[in-house]
């Protein structure tokens, strides 16, 4: 399996496990467990490192 897809699936799984607040507003990083926030940051950084586009926001 492609490393990029594997990292993306791990990140998506972490994000799907986060519940929204009861009033429907999104949860911020300040409300997340520090370990979970660190894992999300790690997967995001890994995913960005294997991005084939040097400037993904431009392309």
Protein backbone atom coordinates (compact mmCIF):
# COMPACT_ATOMS: atom_id res chain seq x y z
CA UNK A 1 0.00 0.00 0.00
CA UNK A 2 1.15 3.49 -0.81
CA UNK A 3 2.72 5.24 2.22
CA UNK A 4 0.74 8.42 1.50
CA UNK A 5 -2.56 6.52 1.56
CA UNK A 6 -1.62 4.70 4.77
CA UNK A 7 -0.78 7.96 6.56
CA UNK A 8 -3.97 9.59 5.24
CA UNK A 9 -6.07 6.68 6.54
CA UNK A 10 -4.45 6.88 9.98
CA UNK A 11 -5.07 10.63 10.14
CA UNK A 12 -8.66 10.25 8.97
CA UNK A 13 -9.32 7.58 11.61
CA UNK A 14 -8.05 9.91 14.35
CA UNK A 15 -10.18 12.77 13.06
CA UNK A 16 -13.31 10.62 12.80
CA UNK A 17 -12.99 9.62 16.45
CA UNK A 18 -13.25 13.24 17.62
CA UNK A 19 -16.75 14.15 18.69
CA UNK A 20 -18.25 17.60 18.11
CA UNK A 21 -19.65 19.57 20.99
CA UNK A 22 -23.26 18.96 21.85
CA UNK A 23 -24.22 22.32 20.31
CA UNK A 24 -22.67 21.28 16.98
CA UNK A 25 -19.63 23.54 17.11
CA UNK A 26 -16.27 22.00 16.23
CA UNK A 27 -13.76 20.99 18.85
CA UNK A 28 -10.53 23.00 18.79
CA UNK A 29 -7.00 21.86 19.54
CA UNK A 30 -7.29 23.51 22.96
CA UNK A 31 -10.07 21.09 23.87
CA UNK A 32 -8.28 17.95 22.65
CA UNK A 33 -6.21 15.66 24.78
CA UNK A 34 -2.57 16.69 24.31
CA UNK A 35 -1.60 13.20 23.17
CA UNK A 36 -4.32 13.14 20.51
CA UNK A 37 -3.38 16.64 19.31
CA UNK A 38 0.27 15.52 19.03
CA UNK A 39 -0.73 12.40 17.04
CA UNK A 40 -2.82 14.48 14.64
CA UNK A 41 0.06 16.92 14.18
CA UNK A 42 2.47 14.01 13.59
CA UNK A 43 0.26 12.40 10.92
CA UNK A 44 -0.34 15.78 9.26
CA UNK A 45 3.39 16.51 9.13
CA UNK A 46 4.10 13.03 7.75
CA UNK A 47 1.41 13.45 5.10
CA UNK A 48 2.78 16.84 4.08
CA UNK A 49 6.29 15.38 3.83
CA UNK A 50 5.20 12.84 1.19
CA UNK A 51 3.16 15.32 -0.83
CA UNK A 52 4.53 15.30 -4.40
CA UNK A 53 3.61 18.98 -4.86
CA UNK A 54 6.24 21.33 -3.51
CA UNK A 55 3.69 24.13 -3.07
CA UNK A 56 0.36 22.33 -2.55
CA UNK A 57 -1.64 25.50 -1.92
CA UNK A 58 -0.47 26.93 -5.25
CA UNK A 59 -1.21 23.80 -7.28
